[in-house]
Each structure stands twice: as C-alpha cells, then as structure tokens.
Amino acid sequence: MAGGWAKDGAVSEQIEASINDELARLKARKLPQGESRTHCAECEEPIPEARRAALPGVKLCIDCVNERDNRPETRGGINRRGSKDSQLK
C-alpha cells in the first residue's frame, strides 16, 4: 500500500530502478585487458603467476586491489524519494 501521493507499487518500482541502475554501472566497468604486469603498478611487489594467468591484463597485486576496493567511493546518486526538499534544491 502506497502512502501520500505515491501510487500503489511505487516503492517496489523505486527499488527495482535503483537495482537496475547499479547493475548497469557494474556492467559498464572496464576489465583489465592486454598483457599482465609482472610487478604491481602501485607497490612494485611481484604479482604471482597464478593471478596473472587467471586475470589477463592484471596491473595490481591482491593487497593493492583490496585497499582500492575498500576506499569509500563518492558518486552522485538520484534522489528517488521525490520529497519537496529535494525538488527545491
């Protein structure tokens, strides 16, 4: 049941739209291509042969990838709530 001015199913539509936006963003990410490096591009540690074989075009060691993945990512989102405050800004 929707509340206020929202139609029935509006919340589900918003959730589905948010999920579809995130999936599209993930699919748009570029994967490494080309020849793999033997040493990490950031810390110069050797990259194991197994990693280079599994991920063609790899440039970073596992530690540097984990560190990069754990950094907070700032990106603009869409305010789907439609509150009056968000429309005034």
Protein backbone atom coordinates (compact mmCIF):
# COMPACT_ATOMS: atom_id res chain seq x y z
CA MET A 1 0.00 0.00 0.00
CA ALA A 2 1.41 3.35 -1.03
CA GLY A 3 1.16 6.39 1.17
CA GLY A 4 0.64 10.05 0.38
CA TRP A 5 0.74 10.93 -3.30
CA ALA A 6 2.53 7.75 -4.34
CA LYS A 7 0.66 5.18 -6.42
CA ASP A 8 0.43 1.53 -5.46
CA GLY A 9 3.70 -0.29 -6.12
CA ALA A 10 5.76 2.92 -6.23
CA VAL A 11 8.18 1.71 -3.59
CA SER A 12 8.82 -1.53 -5.47
CA GLU A 13 9.39 0.44 -8.69
CA GLN A 14 11.91 2.67 -6.92
CA ILE A 15 13.78 -0.33 -5.54
CA GLU A 16 13.85 -2.04 -8.94
CA ALA A 17 15.07 1.16 -10.62
CA SER A 18 17.87 1.54 -8.06
CA ILE A 19 18.95 -2.07 -8.56
CA ASN A 20 18.89 -1.70 -12.36
CA ASP A 21 20.98 1.50 -12.15
CA GLU A 22 23.60 -0.25 -10.00
CA LEU A 23 23.71 -3.29 -12.30
CA ALA A 24 24.21 -1.02 -15.32
CA ARG A 25 27.04 0.79 -13.51
CA LEU A 26 28.75 -2.52 -12.68
CA LYS A 27 28.40 -3.82 -16.24
CA ALA A 28 29.95 -0.60 -17.59
CA ARG A 29 33.17 -1.13 -15.59
CA LYS A 30 36.13 -1.91 -17.76
CA LEU A 31 38.02 -5.10 -17.02
CA PRO A 32 41.80 -5.26 -17.38
CA GLN A 33 42.98 -6.01 -20.90
CA GLY A 34 46.30 -6.58 -22.61
CA GLU A 35 49.42 -8.06 -21.14
CA SER A 36 49.70 -8.56 -17.40
CA ARG A 37 52.42 -6.84 -15.44
CA THR A 38 54.93 -8.93 -13.51
CA HIS A 39 55.07 -6.35 -10.68
CA CYS A 40 52.30 -4.25 -9.12
CA ALA A 41 51.80 -0.80 -10.63
CA GLU A 42 51.38 0.79 -7.18
CA CYS A 43 53.69 -1.02 -4.75
CA GLU A 44 56.10 -2.82 -7.13
CA GLU A 45 55.59 -6.17 -5.36
CA PRO A 46 55.69 -9.23 -7.65
CA ILE A 47 52.31 -10.40 -8.95
CA PRO A 48 52.00 -14.22 -8.66
CA GLU A 49 51.93 -16.18 -11.92
CA ALA A 50 48.59 -17.77 -10.98
CA ARG A 51 46.97 -14.32 -10.67
CA ARG A 52 48.42 -13.18 -13.99
CA ALA A 53 47.11 -16.34 -15.68
CA ALA A 54 43.64 -16.02 -14.12
CA LEU A 55 43.22 -12.30 -14.93
CA PRO A 56 44.77 -11.29 -18.24
CA GLY A 57 45.83 -7.66 -18.11
CA VAL A 58 46.15 -7.50 -14.33
CA LYS A 59 48.13 -4.47 -13.11
CA LEU A 60 47.78 -4.61 -9.31
CA CYS A 61 48.64 -7.13 -6.61
CA ILE A 62 45.88 -8.52 -4.38
CA ASP A 63 46.74 -6.23 -1.45
CA CYS A 64 46.53 -3.07 -3.58
CA VAL A 65 43.25 -4.20 -5.18
CA ASN A 66 41.74 -4.87 -1.75
CA GLU A 67 42.91 -1.48 -0.49
CA ARG A 68 41.43 0.25 -3.55
CA ASP A 69 38.14 -1.66 -3.23
CA ASN A 70 37.79 -0.69 0.45
CA ARG A 71 38.15 3.05 -0.21
CA PRO A 72 34.85 4.89 0.03
CA GLU A 73 33.56 5.73 -3.43
CA THR A 74 31.86 9.07 -3.87
CA ARG A 75 29.41 9.26 -6.70
CA GLY A 76 26.29 11.23 -7.36
CA GLY A 77 23.05 9.42 -6.99
CA ILE A 78 19.49 10.15 -7.92
CA ASN A 79 17.12 11.11 -5.17
CA ARG A 80 14.15 8.92 -5.95
CA ARG A 81 12.22 9.88 -2.85
CA GLY A 82 10.75 12.93 -4.54
CA SER A 83 10.49 14.91 -1.32
CA LYS A 84 9.66 18.58 -1.55
CA ASP A 85 13.10 19.47 -0.15
CA SER A 86 14.90 17.52 -2.88
CA GLN A 87 12.85 19.25 -5.58
CA LEU A 88 13.70 22.69 -4.24
CA LYS A 89 17.47 22.18 -4.39
